[in-house]
C-alpha atoms as a PDB file:
ATOM      1  CA  MET A   1    -254.515 -45.011 -40.150  1.00  0.00           C
ATOM      2  CA  LYS A   2    -252.626 -45.771 -37.115  1.00  0.00           C
ATOM      3  CA  SER A   3    -255.499 -45.703 -34.640  1.00  0.00           C
ATOM      4  CA  ILE A   4    -257.413 -48.346 -37.093  1.00  0.00           C
ATOM      5  CA  VAL A   5    -254.330 -50.714 -36.762  1.00  0.00           C
ATOM      6  CA  ASN A   6    -253.800 -50.225 -32.966  1.00  0.00           C
ATOM      7  CA  ARG A   7    -257.438 -50.817 -32.711  1.00  0.00           C
ATOM      8  CA  PHE A   8    -256.975 -54.340 -34.685  1.00  0.00           C
ATOM      9  CA  MET A   9    -253.979 -55.227 -33.037  1.00  0.00           C
ATOM     10  CA  MET A  10    -255.658 -54.893 -29.620  1.00  0.00           C
ATOM     11  CA  MET A  11    -258.963 -57.239 -30.473  1.00  0.00           C
ATOM     12  CA  PHE A  12    -256.931 -59.608 -32.431  1.00  0.00           C
ATOM     13  CA  GLY A  13    -253.943 -59.957 -30.496  1.00  0.00           C
ATOM     14  CA  GLY A  14    -254.739 -62.384 -28.323  1.00  0.00           C
ATOM     15  CA  VAL A  15    -255.931 -64.427 -31.592  1.00  0.00           C
ATOM     16  CA  PHE A  16    -252.866 -63.961 -33.231  1.00  0.00           C
ATOM     17  CA  ALA A  17    -250.509 -64.893 -29.804  1.00  0.00           C
ATOM     18  CA  ALA A  18    -252.610 -68.257 -29.538  1.00  0.00           C
ATOM     19  CA  PHE A  19    -252.407 -69.062 -32.838  1.00  0.00           C
ATOM     20  CA  ALA A  20    -248.277 -68.557 -32.741  1.00  0.00           C
ATOM     21  CA  LEU A  21    -248.385 -70.560 -30.002  1.00  0.00           C
ATOM     22  CA  ILE A  22    -250.123 -73.837 -31.581  1.00  0.00           C
ATOM     23  CA  ILE A  23    -248.165 -73.407 -34.404  1.00  0.00           C
ATOM     24  CA  ALA A  24    -244.813 -73.382 -32.463  1.00  0.00           C
ATOM     25  CA  THR A  25    -245.824 -76.159 -30.693  1.00  0.00           C
ATOM     26  CA  ILE A  26    -246.757 -78.464 -34.098  1.00  0.00           C
ATOM     27  CA  SER A  27    -243.503 -77.512 -35.459  1.00  0.00           C
ATOM     28  CA  ALA A  28    -241.646 -78.599 -32.296  1.00  0.00           C
ATOM     29  CA  ASN A  29    -243.136 -81.943 -32.772  1.00  0.00           C
ATOM     30  CA  SER A  30    -242.435 -82.440 -36.046  1.00  0.00           C
ATOM     31  CA  ALA A  31    -239.154 -82.790 -38.500  1.00  0.00           C
ATOM     32  CA  CYS A  32    -238.799 -81.345 -41.949  1.00  0.00           C
ATOM     33  CA  MET A  33    -239.517 -83.419 -45.081  1.00  0.00           C
ATOM     34  CA  TRP A  34    -236.144 -82.544 -46.605  1.00  0.00           C
ATOM     35  CA  ILE A  35    -233.785 -84.180 -44.701  1.00  0.00           C
ATOM     36  CA  THR A  36    -230.649 -82.643 -45.510  1.00  0.00           C
ATOM     37  CA  HIS A  37    -232.535 -79.321 -43.801  1.00  0.00           C
ATOM     38  CA  GLN A  38    -233.248 -79.615 -40.207  1.00  0.00           C
ATOM     39  CA  PRO A  39    -233.119 -75.978 -38.671  1.00  0.00           C
ATOM     40  CA  LYS A  40    -231.836 -75.734 -35.417  1.00  0.00           C
ATOM     41  CA  LEU A  41    -235.201 -74.787 -33.026  1.00  0.00           C
ATOM     42  CA  PRO A  42    -234.983 -72.185 -30.156  1.00  0.00           C
ATOM     43  CA  ASP A  43    -234.664 -73.100 -26.977  1.00  0.00           C
ATOM     44  CA  ASP A  44    -238.009 -71.865 -25.770  1.00  0.00           C
ATOM     45  CA  VAL A  45    -239.879 -73.932 -28.925  1.00  0.00           C
ATOM     46  CA  ARG A  46    -237.849 -76.892 -27.750  1.00  0.00           C
ATOM     47  CA  LYS A  47    -239.361 -76.724 -23.856  1.00  0.00           C
ATOM     48  CA  LEU A  48    -242.757 -77.146 -26.259  1.00  0.00           C
ATOM     49  CA  ARG A  49    -241.606 -80.766 -27.155  1.00  0.00           C
ATOM     50  CA  LYS A  50    -243.458 -84.011 -26.332  1.00  0.00           C
ATOM     51  CA  PHE A  51    -241.437 -86.589 -24.726  1.00  0.00           C
END
């Protein structure tokens, strides 16, 4: 079972990493719908913002 999971992560790990970067960039450039809840962004995600 462990070898199947390792093989799957080796095949699709890059896709997951790229998808995570895209989601982080989108969330860095948007605001929360709820006025009272805007969580703090990590510094690494803050660098992805467009000015």
